[in-house]
Amino acid sequence: MALALSSQIARLIDRGALFVVNHSGGKDGQAMLAILRQYIPADQLLVIHAHLPGVEWPGTIEHIRATTKGLPLIVCEAVKTFFQMVERRGMFPSPQQRQCTSDLKRGPIEREIRRYLKANPRFGGLVVNCMGLRAQESPKRAKAQEFKFNARNSKAGREWYDWLPVQDLTKDQVFAVIAAAGEKPHWAYGAGMTRLSCCFCIMASRQDLCTAARLRPKLYRRYVGLESRIGHTMMMPAKGEAPKYLEEITGISA
């Protein structure tokens, strides 16, 4: 699939910027990498995965490595795990307060980008952070700015931009890109999942929660036990509704 490069992106490529591909192992990151490899020189690409011990799908790192085709890959982790974060706060993250994203993903990834730029001065601190967010996923993501200067991270000699290369792609187009690249998506999609993040995501549909409970019963029991122990539900209730625990939502006993 052709990508209409803006003049801003074309200039950044010519300037020798480092393009960082955020890759969770999901379809959007995989398609984004396949597309960017067609336009960005290999020596200007870096893949980063924020590993989530204990809560991400088995085989995720291996799947990412199989699709990088020799590009450098950094696997990073936060100093705390998802369960440690929830235990300390006494509550799960919510769509409004997504500490799982800020603390476990964005923070570690930005840390590694800073380290990589420092270790590779040939990029001159010039970086484009590429994320696989798509407008079709939610009204909030549909309003996200496709390309922007990141003032918060443009410090200490860095010039940092954020880019959403696949923002306008549909789900079907994403899978088509993966197939055209001669690749397959992560096995969890074939097992029934519609999205690939944590096995049990605070943004998941009931269908995905049920599928994950069937595929990973031991982990499901851990989530159910944690809900009971801290007295807080993982899933936020709809407006006007009472909170529901996972067993109530899925109808599956742990």
Foldseek 3Di string as FASTA:
>chain_A
DAFDDDPVVVVLLVLLAAEEQECQLKLLSLLVLLHVPVPHPLVRYEYEYQDAPPFFDPCSVVSVVVRNVPRHYYYWFAPDHQVVVCVVVLEAAAPVGPCCCVRTPVVRVLVVVVVVCVVPVVNQQEYEYEYRAECVPDVVLVPDDQKDWDPVSCDPRHTYMYHHRCHHPDPVVSQVSQVVSVHHGDCVVVQPAPIGDGQDDLPGDLRSLLSSCVVPVVSVVVQQVSCVVSVYASHDDDPPDDDDHSCVSNVDDD
